[in-house]
């Protein structure tokens, strides 16, 4: 049963030639350096677009310690990879994710049993929770937009994961559940902080978190948790990749500055957000990207091609 708690070179134009999808399960996610992921499958189906899939289909993509570590390693690598401008995060198999791998929790219980000292038990738990939090927050920290594409079950840690992303799409048969209360704990990896902002309603967010009830794609869409709903997984992934390709064709300086300021403004006043974007743009408005984009708009020329960042 699914349950939670179940990457500046030389400044030259790079022509975005369409290339065949490259599977990078031996994922070259950081400046071409190869790395073997055990729980993720990574590919580049579009120019400057990376597709990351949760890849433990036989376990309904339950997130074990290995996956926690690999999500952060992968996203942190893509954050500084000049060949990446947008990321699509989806999942293989029947469900998006069943949440945290309960076998990991059993293993942690055995580790806690190895000491009688409450303080030492607390250190073990604090380090584990911080690992999980840092993994999820890597999506929010990443300067590249992250689009999550959810099909079927998105439970517990899955909600933590998608609420840290920038854009969320799902299938008509997707469902969501903040399941932590059902196993006697409070969610501690980001849902309680990010879900209320994602849906824009403290009342709804608290209802979902207090009750652990399942909510379907229609409610997720009407509440703003997801912005588009697709009839099936194939259409979902195709739509998410098309959006990522559109974003990746824009100036990487403009897109990344936009994400940085929108993320910053979530936790700051309007004036603080305005102050920050003013500081950013006094530098970024001197970029060749700005000059090229304006010239293209004025002359109605072909879309500008931007240098790697």
C-alpha atoms as a PDB file:
ATOM      1  CA  UNK A   1       0.000   0.000   0.000  1.00  0.00           C
ATOM      2  CA  UNK A   2       1.442   3.432  -0.929  1.00  0.00           C
ATOM      3  CA  UNK A   3       2.283   5.471   2.178  1.00  0.00           C
ATOM      4  CA  UNK A   4       4.650   8.267   3.256  1.00  0.00           C
ATOM      5  CA  UNK A   5       6.515   8.374   6.050  1.00  0.00           C
ATOM      6  CA  UNK A   6       5.572   5.843   2.699  1.00  0.00           C
ATOM      7  CA  UNK A   7      24.658  21.307 -13.190  1.00  0.00           C
ATOM      8  CA  UNK A   8      30.666  31.366 -18.046  1.00  0.00           C
ATOM      9  CA  UNK A   9      31.879  29.387 -20.832  1.00  0.00           C
ATOM     10  CA  UNK A  10      32.980  31.411 -23.843  1.00  0.00           C
ATOM     11  CA  UNK A  11      30.181  33.784 -24.705  1.00  0.00           C
ATOM     12  CA  UNK A  12      29.076  32.466 -28.089  1.00  0.00           C
ATOM     13  CA  UNK A  13      25.726  31.540 -29.570  1.00  0.00           C
ATOM     14  CA  UNK A  14      24.800  27.907 -29.218  1.00  0.00           C
ATOM     15  CA  UNK A  15      22.394  26.717 -31.897  1.00  0.00           C
ATOM     16  CA  UNK A  16      19.805  24.499 -30.225  1.00  0.00           C
ATOM     17  CA  UNK A  17      19.926  21.572 -32.646  1.00  0.00           C
ATOM     18  CA  UNK A  18      17.325  18.938 -31.874  1.00  0.00           C
ATOM     19  CA  UNK A  19      19.061  15.751 -30.888  1.00  0.00           C
ATOM     20  CA  UNK A  20      17.827  12.259 -30.138  1.00  0.00           C
ATOM     21  CA  UNK A  21      17.020  11.458 -26.553  1.00  0.00           C
ATOM     22  CA  UNK A  22      20.103  10.354 -24.649  1.00  0.00           C
ATOM     23  CA  UNK A  23      19.541   8.062 -21.734  1.00  0.00           C
ATOM     24  CA  UNK A  24      21.789   9.038 -18.856  1.00  0.00           C
ATOM     25  CA  UNK A  25      21.055   6.442 -16.256  1.00  0.00           C
ATOM     26  CA  UNK A  26      24.834   6.527 -16.085  1.00  0.00           C
ATOM     27  CA  UNK A  27      23.929  10.131 -15.639  1.00  0.00           C
ATOM     28  CA  UNK A  28      26.258  12.841 -16.885  1.00  0.00           C
ATOM     29  CA  UNK A  29      24.555  15.480 -14.811  1.00  0.00           C
ATOM     30  CA  UNK A  30      27.463  17.652 -13.753  1.00  0.00           C
ATOM     31  CA  UNK A  31      29.586  19.196 -16.502  1.00  0.00           C
ATOM     32  CA  UNK A  32      29.694  15.876 -18.380  1.00  0.00           C
ATOM     33  CA  UNK A  33      31.014  13.905 -15.449  1.00  0.00           C
ATOM     34  CA  UNK A  34      29.514  10.429 -15.463  1.00  0.00           C
ATOM     35  CA  UNK A  35      27.698   9.121 -12.418  1.00  0.00           C
ATOM     36  CA  UNK A  36      25.656   5.992 -11.910  1.00  0.00           C
ATOM     37  CA  UNK A  37      22.295   6.575 -10.230  1.00  0.00           C
ATOM     38  CA  UNK A  38      20.542   3.542  -8.811  1.00  0.00           C
ATOM     39  CA  UNK A  39      17.130   5.087  -8.148  1.00  0.00           C
ATOM     40  CA  UNK A  40      16.840   7.720 -10.890  1.00  0.00           C
ATOM     41  CA  UNK A  41      16.793   7.627 -14.693  1.00  0.00           C
ATOM     42  CA  UNK A  42      18.037  10.782 -16.416  1.00  0.00           C
ATOM     43  CA  UNK A  43      17.749  11.740 -20.097  1.00  0.00           C
ATOM     44  CA  UNK A  44      17.954  14.834 -22.341  1.00  0.00           C
ATOM     45  CA  UNK A  45      14.952  14.587 -24.679  1.00  0.00           C
ATOM     46  CA  UNK A  46      14.999  18.266 -25.733  1.00  0.00           C
ATOM     47  CA  UNK A  47      17.707  20.938 -26.102  1.00  0.00           C
ATOM     48  CA  UNK A  48      18.749  22.135 -22.646  1.00  0.00           C
ATOM     49  CA  UNK A  49      16.009  20.043 -21.009  1.00  0.00           C
ATOM     50  CA  UNK A  50      16.771  17.251 -18.542  1.00  0.00           C
ATOM     51  CA  UNK A  51      14.177  14.638 -17.719  1.00  0.00           C
ATOM     52  CA  UNK A  52      14.647  13.032 -14.308  1.00  0.00           C
ATOM     53  CA  UNK A  53      12.512  10.027 -13.403  1.00  0.00           C
ATOM     54  CA  UNK A  54      12.061   8.417 -10.016  1.00  0.00           C
ATOM     55  CA  UNK A  55      13.018   4.871 -10.912  1.00  0.00           C
ATOM     56  CA  UNK A  56      12.054   2.236  -8.360  1.00  0.00           C
ATOM     57  CA  UNK A  57       8.926   1.016 -10.163  1.00  0.00           C
ATOM     58  CA  UNK A  58       8.781  -2.334  -8.371  1.00  0.00           C
ATOM     59  CA  UNK A  59       8.550  -0.403  -5.062  1.00  0.00           C
ATOM     60  CA  UNK A  60       6.065   2.188  -6.415  1.00  0.00           C
ATOM     61  CA  UNK A  61       9.000   4.639  -6.301  1.00  0.00           C
ATOM     62  CA  UNK A  62       9.030   4.614  -2.512  1.00  0.00           C
ATOM     63  CA  UNK A  63      11.804   6.980  -1.475  1.00  0.00           C
ATOM     64  CA  UNK A  64      14.597   5.159   0.332  1.00  0.00           C
ATOM     65  CA  UNK A  65      17.826   6.648   1.689  1.00  0.00           C
ATOM     66  CA  UNK A  66      19.591   6.070  -1.638  1.00  0.00           C
ATOM     67  CA  UNK A  67      16.901   8.022  -3.496  1.00  0.00           C
ATOM     68  CA  UNK A  68      16.930  10.861  -0.968  1.00  0.00           C
ATOM     69  CA  UNK A  69      20.692  11.212  -1.536  1.00  0.00           C
ATOM     70  CA  UNK A  70      20.460  10.860  -5.315  1.00  0.00           C
ATOM     71  CA  UNK A  71      17.668  13.419  -5.741  1.00  0.00           C
ATOM     72  CA  UNK A  72      19.833  16.071  -4.086  1.00  0.00           C
ATOM     73  CA  UNK A  73      22.988  14.995  -5.909  1.00  0.00           C
ATOM     74  CA  UNK A  74      21.209  15.025  -9.272  1.00  0.00           C
ATOM     75  CA  UNK A  75      19.429  18.365  -8.814  1.00  0.00           C
ATOM     76  CA  UNK A  76      22.517  20.051  -7.335  1.00  0.00           C
ATOM     77  CA  UNK A  77      24.504  18.817 -10.348  1.00  0.00           C
ATOM     78  CA  UNK A  78      21.954  20.150 -12.809  1.00  0.00           C
ATOM     79  CA  UNK A  79      21.886  23.464 -10.946  1.00  0.00           C
ATOM     80  CA  UNK A  80      25.383  24.258 -12.248  1.00  0.00           C
ATOM     81  CA  UNK A  81      25.268  22.320 -15.531  1.00  0.00           C
ATOM     82  CA  UNK A  82      25.366  24.840 -18.422  1.00  0.00           C
ATOM     83  CA  UNK A  83      23.602  22.320 -20.666  1.00  0.00           C
ATOM     84  CA  UNK A  84      20.550  22.363 -18.395  1.00  0.00           C
ATOM     85  CA  UNK A  85      17.991  25.173 -18.405  1.00  0.00           C
ATOM     86  CA  UNK A  86      14.861  23.341 -17.300  1.00  0.00           C
ATOM     87  CA  UNK A  87      14.079  20.078 -15.507  1.00  0.00           C
ATOM     88  CA  UNK A  88      11.095  17.760 -15.754  1.00  0.00           C
ATOM     89  CA  UNK A  89      10.658  15.404 -12.803  1.00  0.00           C
ATOM     90  CA  UNK A  90       8.337  12.452 -13.334  1.00  0.00           C
ATOM     91  CA  UNK A  91       8.290   8.797 -12.337  1.00  0.00           C
ATOM     92  CA  UNK A  92       8.372   5.380 -13.957  1.00  0.00           C
ATOM     93  CA  UNK A  93       5.928   2.601 -13.254  1.00  0.00           C
ATOM     94  CA  UNK A  94       2.394   2.575 -11.906  1.00  0.00           C
ATOM     95  CA  UNK A  95       2.594   5.448  -9.403  1.00  0.00           C
ATOM     96  CA  UNK A  96       4.488   8.729  -9.036  1.00  0.00           C
ATOM     97  CA  UNK A  97       5.555   7.763  -5.528  1.00  0.00           C
ATOM     98  CA  UNK A  98       4.226   5.852  -2.553  1.00  0.00           C
ATOM     99  CA  UNK A  99       6.161   8.180  -0.238  1.00  0.00           C
ATOM    100  CA  UNK A 100       8.953   7.252   2.104  1.00  0.00           C
ATOM    101  CA  UNK A 101      10.182   3.661   2.087  1.00  0.00           C
ATOM    102  CA  UNK A 102       8.900   2.191   5.347  1.00  0.00           C
ATOM    103  CA  UNK A 103      11.775  -0.307   5.367  1.00  0.00           C
ATOM    104  CA  UNK A 104      14.096   2.648   5.889  1.00  0.00           C
ATOM    105  CA  UNK A 105      12.068   3.661   8.917  1.00  0.00           C
ATOM    106  CA  UNK A 106      12.371   0.165  10.309  1.00  0.00           C
ATOM    107  CA  UNK A 107      16.144   0.320   9.823  1.00  0.00           C
ATOM    108  CA  UNK A 108      16.264   3.667  11.613  1.00  0.00           C
ATOM    109  CA  UNK A 109      14.297   2.143  14.478  1.00  0.00           C
ATOM    110  CA  UNK A 110      16.954  -0.521  14.830  1.00  0.00           C
ATOM    111  CA  UNK A 111      19.649   2.156  14.819  1.00  0.00           C
ATOM    112  CA  UNK A 112      17.852   4.078  17.560  1.00  0.00           C
ATOM    113  CA  UNK A 113      17.575   0.918  19.586  1.00  0.00           C
ATOM    114  CA  UNK A 114      21.373   0.760  19.628  1.00  0.00           C
ATOM    115  CA  UNK A 115      21.584   3.472  22.273  1.00  0.00           C
ATOM    116  CA  UNK A 116      19.651   4.211  25.444  1.00  0.00           C
ATOM    117  CA  UNK A 117      20.673   7.858  25.559  1.00  0.00           C
ATOM    118  CA  UNK A 118      17.882  10.225  24.534  1.00  0.00           C
ATOM    119  CA  UNK A 119      20.313  12.914  23.343  1.00  0.00           C
ATOM    120  CA  UNK A 120      22.081  10.468  21.035  1.00  0.00           C
ATOM    121  CA  UNK A 121      18.781   9.210  19.670  1.00  0.00           C
ATOM    122  CA  UNK A 122      17.906  12.851  18.983  1.00  0.00           C
ATOM    123  CA  UNK A 123      21.138  13.410  17.055  1.00  0.00           C
ATOM    124  CA  UNK A 124      20.398  10.399  14.841  1.00  0.00           C
ATOM    125  CA  UNK A 125      16.894  11.649  14.107  1.00  0.00           C
ATOM    126  CA  UNK A 126      18.007  15.248  13.527  1.00  0.00           C
ATOM    127  CA  UNK A 127      20.635  14.173  10.985  1.00  0.00           C
ATOM    128  CA  UNK A 128      18.147  11.969   9.153  1.00  0.00           C
ATOM    129  CA  UNK A 129      15.425  14.628   9.010  1.00  0.00           C
ATOM    130  CA  UNK A 130      17.965  17.229   7.812  1.00  0.00           C
ATOM    131  CA  UNK A 131      19.088  14.863   5.033  1.00  0.00           C
ATOM    132  CA  UNK A 132      15.480  14.479   3.880  1.00  0.00           C
ATOM    133  CA  UNK A 133      14.790  18.217   4.118  1.00  0.00           C
ATOM    134  CA  UNK A 134      17.926  19.157   2.158  1.00  0.00           C
ATOM    135  CA  UNK A 135      17.035  16.651  -0.554  1.00  0.00           C
ATOM    136  CA  UNK A 136      13.564  18.112  -1.077  1.00  0.00           C
ATOM    137  CA  UNK A 137      14.757  21.727  -0.799  1.00  0.00           C
ATOM    138  CA  UNK A 138      17.290  21.143  -3.592  1.00  0.00           C
ATOM    139  CA  UNK A 139      14.391  21.610  -6.045  1.00  0.00           C
ATOM    140  CA  UNK A 140      13.567  25.022  -4.593  1.00  0.00           C
ATOM    141  CA  UNK A 141      17.242  26.053  -4.359  1.00  0.00           C
ATOM    142  CA  UNK A 142      17.963  24.998  -7.954  1.00  0.00           C
ATOM    143  CA  UNK A 143      18.137  28.107 -10.179  1.00  0.00           C
ATOM    144  CA  UNK A 144      16.616  26.147 -13.082  1.00  0.00           C
ATOM    145  CA  UNK A 145      12.806  25.754 -13.204  1.00  0.00           C
ATOM    146  CA  UNK A 146      11.642  22.322 -12.050  1.00  0.00           C
ATOM    147  CA  UNK A 147       8.386  20.958 -13.481  1.00  0.00           C
ATOM    148  CA  UNK A 148       6.864  17.962 -11.725  1.00  0.00           C
ATOM    149  CA  UNK A 149       4.616  15.600 -13.687  1.00  0.00           C
ATOM    150  CA  UNK A 150       2.480  13.451 -11.398  1.00  0.00           C
ATOM    151  CA  UNK A 151       0.536  10.329 -12.346  1.00  0.00           C
ATOM    152  CA  UNK A 152      -1.543   8.140 -10.051  1.00  0.00           C
ATOM    153  CA  UNK A 153      -0.447   8.160  -6.386  1.00  0.00           C
ATOM    154  CA  UNK A 154       1.513  11.062  -4.904  1.00  0.00           C
ATOM    155  CA  UNK A 155       1.629  10.346  -1.201  1.00  0.00           C
ATOM    156  CA  UNK A 156       3.442  11.764   1.814  1.00  0.00           C
ATOM    157  CA  UNK A 157       7.004  12.579   0.769  1.00  0.00           C
ATOM    158  CA  UNK A 158       5.678  12.942  -2.782  1.00  0.00           C
ATOM    159  CA  UNK A 159       3.688  15.997  -1.691  1.00  0.00           C
ATOM    160  CA  UNK A 160       6.826  17.353  -0.006  1.00  0.00           C
ATOM    161  CA  UNK A 161       8.679  16.845  -3.305  1.00  0.00           C
ATOM    162  CA  UNK A 162       6.194  18.449  -5.686  1.00  0.00           C
ATOM    163  CA  UNK A 163       5.487  21.483  -3.499  1.00  0.00           C
ATOM    164  CA  UNK A 164       9.214  22.334  -3.690  1.00  0.00           C
ATOM    165  CA  UNK A 165       8.971  22.459  -7.499  1.00  0.00           C
ATOM    166  CA  UNK A 166       8.043  25.471  -9.618  1.00  0.00           C
ATOM    167  CA  UNK A 167       5.249  24.063 -11.790  1.00  0.00           C
ATOM    168  CA  UNK A 168       3.051  21.036 -11.194  1.00  0.00           C
ATOM    169  CA  UNK A 169       1.081  19.038 -13.773  1.00  0.00           C
ATOM    170  CA  UNK A 170      -0.829  15.798 -13.217  1.00  0.00           C
ATOM    171  CA  UNK A 171      -3.017  13.187 -14.892  1.00  0.00           C
ATOM    172  CA  UNK A 172      -6.763  12.882 -14.456  1.00  0.00           C
ATOM    173  CA  UNK A 173      -6.258   9.752 -12.338  1.00  0.00           C
ATOM    174  CA  UNK A 174      -3.696  11.344 -10.029  1.00  0.00           C
ATOM    175  CA  UNK A 175      -4.416  11.594  -6.320  1.00  0.00           C
ATOM    176  CA  UNK A 176      -2.574  13.197  -3.433  1.00  0.00           C
ATOM    177  CA  UNK A 177      -2.375  12.517   0.273  1.00  0.00           C
ATOM    178  CA  UNK A 178      -0.544  14.113   3.195  1.00  0.00           C
ATOM    179  CA  UNK A 179      -0.440  10.839   5.050  1.00  0.00           C
ATOM    180  CA  UNK A 180       1.912  11.558   7.957  1.00  0.00           C
ATOM    181  CA  UNK A 181      -0.799  11.997  10.602  1.00  0.00           C
ATOM    182  CA  UNK A 182      -2.055   8.508   9.839  1.00  0.00           C
ATOM    183  CA  UNK A 183       1.199   7.028  11.088  1.00  0.00           C
ATOM    184  CA  UNK A 184       1.397   9.252  14.136  1.00  0.00           C
ATOM    185  CA  UNK A 185       3.775  11.984  13.063  1.00  0.00           C
ATOM    186  CA  UNK A 186       3.787  15.549  11.748  1.00  0.00           C
ATOM    187  CA  UNK A 187       5.111  16.077   8.212  1.00  0.00           C
ATOM    188  CA  UNK A 188       8.653  17.395   8.556  1.00  0.00           C
ATOM    189  CA  UNK A 189      10.139  17.670   5.044  1.00  0.00           C
ATOM    190  CA  UNK A 190       8.332  20.716   3.622  1.00  0.00           C
ATOM    191  CA  UNK A 191       4.616  20.078   3.132  1.00  0.00           C
ATOM    192  CA  UNK A 192       3.522  22.062   6.194  1.00  0.00           C
ATOM    193  CA  UNK A 193       5.577  25.043   5.003  1.00  0.00           C
ATOM    194  CA  UNK A 194       4.935  24.904   1.232  1.00  0.00           C
ATOM    195  CA  UNK A 195       1.465  23.422   0.716  1.00  0.00           C
ATOM    196  CA  UNK A 196      -0.438  26.411   2.181  1.00  0.00           C
ATOM    197  CA  UNK A 197       1.406  28.726  -0.224  1.00  0.00           C
ATOM    198  CA  UNK A 198       0.864  26.363  -3.157  1.00  0.00           C
ATOM    199  CA  UNK A 199      -2.910  26.206  -2.680  1.00  0.00           C
ATOM    200  CA  UNK A 200      -3.345  29.727  -1.306  1.00  0.00           C
ATOM    201  CA  UNK A 201      -5.617  28.533   1.485  1.00  0.00           C
ATOM    202  CA  UNK A 202      -4.627  27.911   5.085  1.00  0.00           C
ATOM    203  CA  UNK A 203      -8.017  26.327   5.677  1.00  0.00           C
ATOM    204  CA  UNK A 204      -7.695  23.728   2.922  1.00  0.00           C
ATOM    205  CA  UNK A 205      -4.037  23.021   3.666  1.00  0.00           C
ATOM    206  CA  UNK A 206      -4.777  22.450   7.349  1.00  0.00           C
ATOM    207  CA  UNK A 207      -7.730  20.238   6.542  1.00  0.00           C
ATOM    208  CA  UNK A 208      -5.578  18.050   4.294  1.00  0.00           C
ATOM    209  CA  UNK A 209      -2.715  17.906   6.789  1.00  0.00           C
ATOM    210  CA  UNK A 210      -4.897  17.311   9.886  1.00  0.00           C
ATOM    211  CA  UNK A 211      -6.995  14.552   8.303  1.00  0.00           C
ATOM    212  CA  UNK A 212      -4.593  12.894   5.863  1.00  0.00           C
ATOM    213  CA  UNK A 213      -7.508  12.510   3.461  1.00  0.00           C
ATOM    214  CA  UNK A 214      -6.981  11.668  -0.195  1.00  0.00           C
ATOM    215  CA  UNK A 215      -7.742  14.412  -2.733  1.00  0.00           C
ATOM    216  CA  UNK A 216      -8.102  13.905  -6.458  1.00  0.00           C
ATOM    217  CA  UNK A 217      -6.773  15.677  -9.545  1.00  0.00           C
ATOM    218  CA  UNK A 218      -9.893  17.853  -9.943  1.00  0.00           C
ATOM    219  CA  UNK A 219      -9.539  19.261  -6.425  1.00  0.00           C
ATOM    220  CA  UNK A 220      -5.784  19.658  -6.843  1.00  0.00           C
ATOM    221  CA  UNK A 221      -6.434  21.673 -10.010  1.00  0.00           C
ATOM    222  CA  UNK A 222      -9.210  23.832  -8.601  1.00  0.00           C
ATOM    223  CA  UNK A 223      -7.140  24.609  -5.505  1.00  0.00           C
ATOM    224  CA  UNK A 224      -4.068  25.587  -7.548  1.00  0.00           C
ATOM    225  CA  UNK A 225      -1.811  22.757  -6.443  1.00  0.00           C
ATOM    226  CA  UNK A 226      -1.484  21.779 -10.121  1.00  0.00           C
ATOM    227  CA  UNK A 227      -1.907  24.107 -13.094  1.00  0.00           C
ATOM    228  CA  UNK A 228      -2.839  21.572 -15.792  1.00  0.00           C
ATOM    229  CA  UNK A 229      -4.460  18.146 -15.889  1.00  0.00           C
ATOM    230  CA  UNK A 230      -3.838  15.648 -18.705  1.00  0.00           C
ATOM    231  CA  UNK A 231      -5.835  12.590 -19.754  1.00  0.00           C
ATOM    232  CA  UNK A 232      -2.974  10.111 -19.341  1.00  0.00           C
ATOM    233  CA  UNK A 233       0.704   9.770 -18.468  1.00  0.00           C
ATOM    234  CA  UNK A 234       1.930   9.972 -22.082  1.00  0.00           C
ATOM    235  CA  UNK A 235       0.146  13.282 -22.632  1.00  0.00           C
ATOM    236  CA  UNK A 236       1.335  14.501 -19.219  1.00  0.00           C
ATOM    237  CA  UNK A 237       5.030  13.890 -19.886  1.00  0.00           C
ATOM    238  CA  UNK A 238       4.717  15.263 -23.432  1.00  0.00           C
ATOM    239  CA  UNK A 239       3.086  18.434 -22.079  1.00  0.00           C
ATOM    240  CA  UNK A 240       5.673  18.870 -19.339  1.00  0.00           C
ATOM    241  CA  UNK A 241       8.541  18.419 -21.799  1.00  0.00           C
ATOM    242  CA  UNK A 242       6.966  20.895 -24.242  1.00  0.00           C
ATOM    243  CA  UNK A 243       6.721  23.465 -21.449  1.00  0.00           C
ATOM    244  CA  UNK A 244      10.332  22.811 -20.420  1.00  0.00           C
ATOM    245  CA  UNK A 245      11.458  23.215 -24.052  1.00  0.00           C
ATOM    246  CA  UNK A 246       9.625  26.560 -24.246  1.00  0.00           C
ATOM    247  CA  UNK A 247      11.314  27.777 -21.039  1.00  0.00           C
ATOM    248  CA  UNK A 248      14.734  26.480 -22.151  1.00  0.00           C
ATOM    249  CA  UNK A 249      14.533  28.593 -25.320  1.00  0.00           C
ATOM    250  CA  UNK A 250      14.352  31.787 -23.238  1.00  0.00           C
ATOM    251  CA  UNK A 251      17.324  33.700 -21.871  1.00  0.00           C
ATOM    252  CA  UNK A 252      18.776  31.589 -19.018  1.00  0.00           C
ATOM    253  CA  UNK A 253      19.742  34.788 -17.233  1.00  0.00           C
ATOM    254  CA  UNK A 254      16.175  36.088 -17.395  1.00  0.00           C
ATOM    255  CA  UNK A 255      14.563  32.805 -16.356  1.00  0.00           C
ATOM    256  CA  UNK A 256      16.930  32.138 -13.467  1.00  0.00           C
ATOM    257  CA  UNK A 257      16.672  35.702 -12.160  1.00  0.00           C
ATOM    258  CA  UNK A 258      12.891  35.391 -12.329  1.00  0.00           C
ATOM    259  CA  UNK A 259      12.885  32.185 -10.293  1.00  0.00           C
ATOM    260  CA  UNK A 260      15.347  33.630  -7.773  1.00  0.00           C
ATOM    261  CA  UNK A 261      13.187  36.690  -7.176  1.00  0.00           C
ATOM    262  CA  UNK A 262       9.866  34.846  -7.053  1.00  0.00           C
ATOM    263  CA  UNK A 263      11.267  32.361  -4.541  1.00  0.00           C
ATOM    264  CA  UNK A 264      12.806  35.167  -2.468  1.00  0.00           C
ATOM    265  CA  UNK A 265       9.554  37.141  -2.511  1.00  0.00           C
ATOM    266  CA  UNK A 266       7.604  34.246  -0.962  1.00  0.00           C
ATOM    267  CA  UNK A 267       9.343  34.904   2.352  1.00  0.00           C
ATOM    268  CA  UNK A 268       9.816  38.677   2.131  1.00  0.00           C
ATOM    269  CA  UNK A 269       7.732  41.822   1.834  1.00  0.00           C
ATOM    270  CA  UNK A 270       6.820  43.274  -1.549  1.00  0.00           C
ATOM    271  CA  UNK A 271       9.356  46.065  -1.028  1.00  0.00           C
ATOM    272  CA  UNK A 272      12.113  43.626  -0.150  1.00  0.00           C
ATOM    273  CA  UNK A 273      11.308  41.704  -3.324  1.00  0.00           C
ATOM    274  CA  UNK A 274      11.459  44.905  -5.349  1.00  0.00           C
ATOM    275  CA  UNK A 275      14.776  45.810  -3.744  1.00  0.00           C
ATOM    276  CA  UNK A 276      16.230  42.426  -4.605  1.00  0.00           C
ATOM    277  CA  UNK A 277      15.166  42.443  -8.270  1.00  0.00           C
ATOM    278  CA  UNK A 278      16.529  45.994  -8.615  1.00  0.00           C
ATOM    279  CA  UNK A 279      19.914  44.787  -7.385  1.00  0.00           C
ATOM    280  CA  UNK A 280      19.802  41.821  -9.759  1.00  0.00           C
ATOM    281  CA  UNK A 281      18.723  43.810 -12.793  1.00  0.00           C
ATOM    282  CA  UNK A 282      21.309  46.558 -12.444  1.00  0.00           C
ATOM    283  CA  UNK A 283      23.685  43.772 -13.477  1.00  0.00           C
ATOM    284  CA  UNK A 284      21.502  41.575 -15.669  1.00  0.00           C
ATOM    285  CA  UNK A 285      20.144  44.414 -17.843  1.00  0.00           C
ATOM    286  CA  UNK A 286      23.728  44.794 -19.107  1.00  0.00           C
ATOM    287  CA  UNK A 287      23.669  41.215 -20.410  1.00  0.00           C
ATOM    288  CA  UNK A 288      23.901  40.424 -24.122  1.00  0.00           C
ATOM    289  CA  UNK A 289      20.747  38.344 -23.618  1.00  0.00           C
ATOM    290  CA  UNK A 290      18.717  41.496 -22.996  1.00  0.00           C
ATOM    291  CA  UNK A 291      20.128  43.273 -26.079  1.00  0.00           C
ATOM    292  CA  UNK A 292      19.535  40.242 -28.304  1.00  0.00           C
ATOM    293  CA  UNK A 293      16.003  39.659 -27.103  1.00  0.00           C
ATOM    294  CA  UNK A 294      14.998  43.327 -27.504  1.00  0.00           C
ATOM    295  CA  UNK A 295      16.547  43.484 -31.006  1.00  0.00           C
ATOM    296  CA  UNK A 296      14.660  40.356 -32.023  1.00  0.00           C
ATOM    297  CA  UNK A 297      11.375  41.821 -30.783  1.00  0.00           C
ATOM    298  CA  UNK A 298      11.937  45.102 -32.628  1.00  0.00           C
ATOM    299  CA  UNK A 299      13.033  43.554 -35.939  1.00  0.00           C
ATOM    300  CA  UNK A 300      10.682  40.579 -35.849  1.00  0.00           C
ATOM    301  CA  UNK A 301      13.697  38.391 -36.598  1.00  0.00           C
ATOM    302  CA  UNK A 302      13.984  34.748 -35.700  1.00  0.00           C
ATOM    303  CA  UNK A 303      14.054  33.894 -32.038  1.00  0.00           C
ATOM    304  CA  UNK A 304      17.419  34.780 -30.488  1.00  0.00           C
ATOM    305  CA  UNK A 305      19.817  32.025 -29.513  1.00  0.00           C
ATOM    306  CA  UNK A 306      21.374  32.528 -26.114  1.00  0.00           C
ATOM    307  CA  UNK A 307      24.837  31.487 -24.938  1.00  0.00           C
ATOM    308  CA  UNK A 308      25.185  28.856 -22.247  1.00  0.00           C
ATOM    309  CA  UNK A 309      25.218  30.026 -18.671  1.00  0.00           C
END
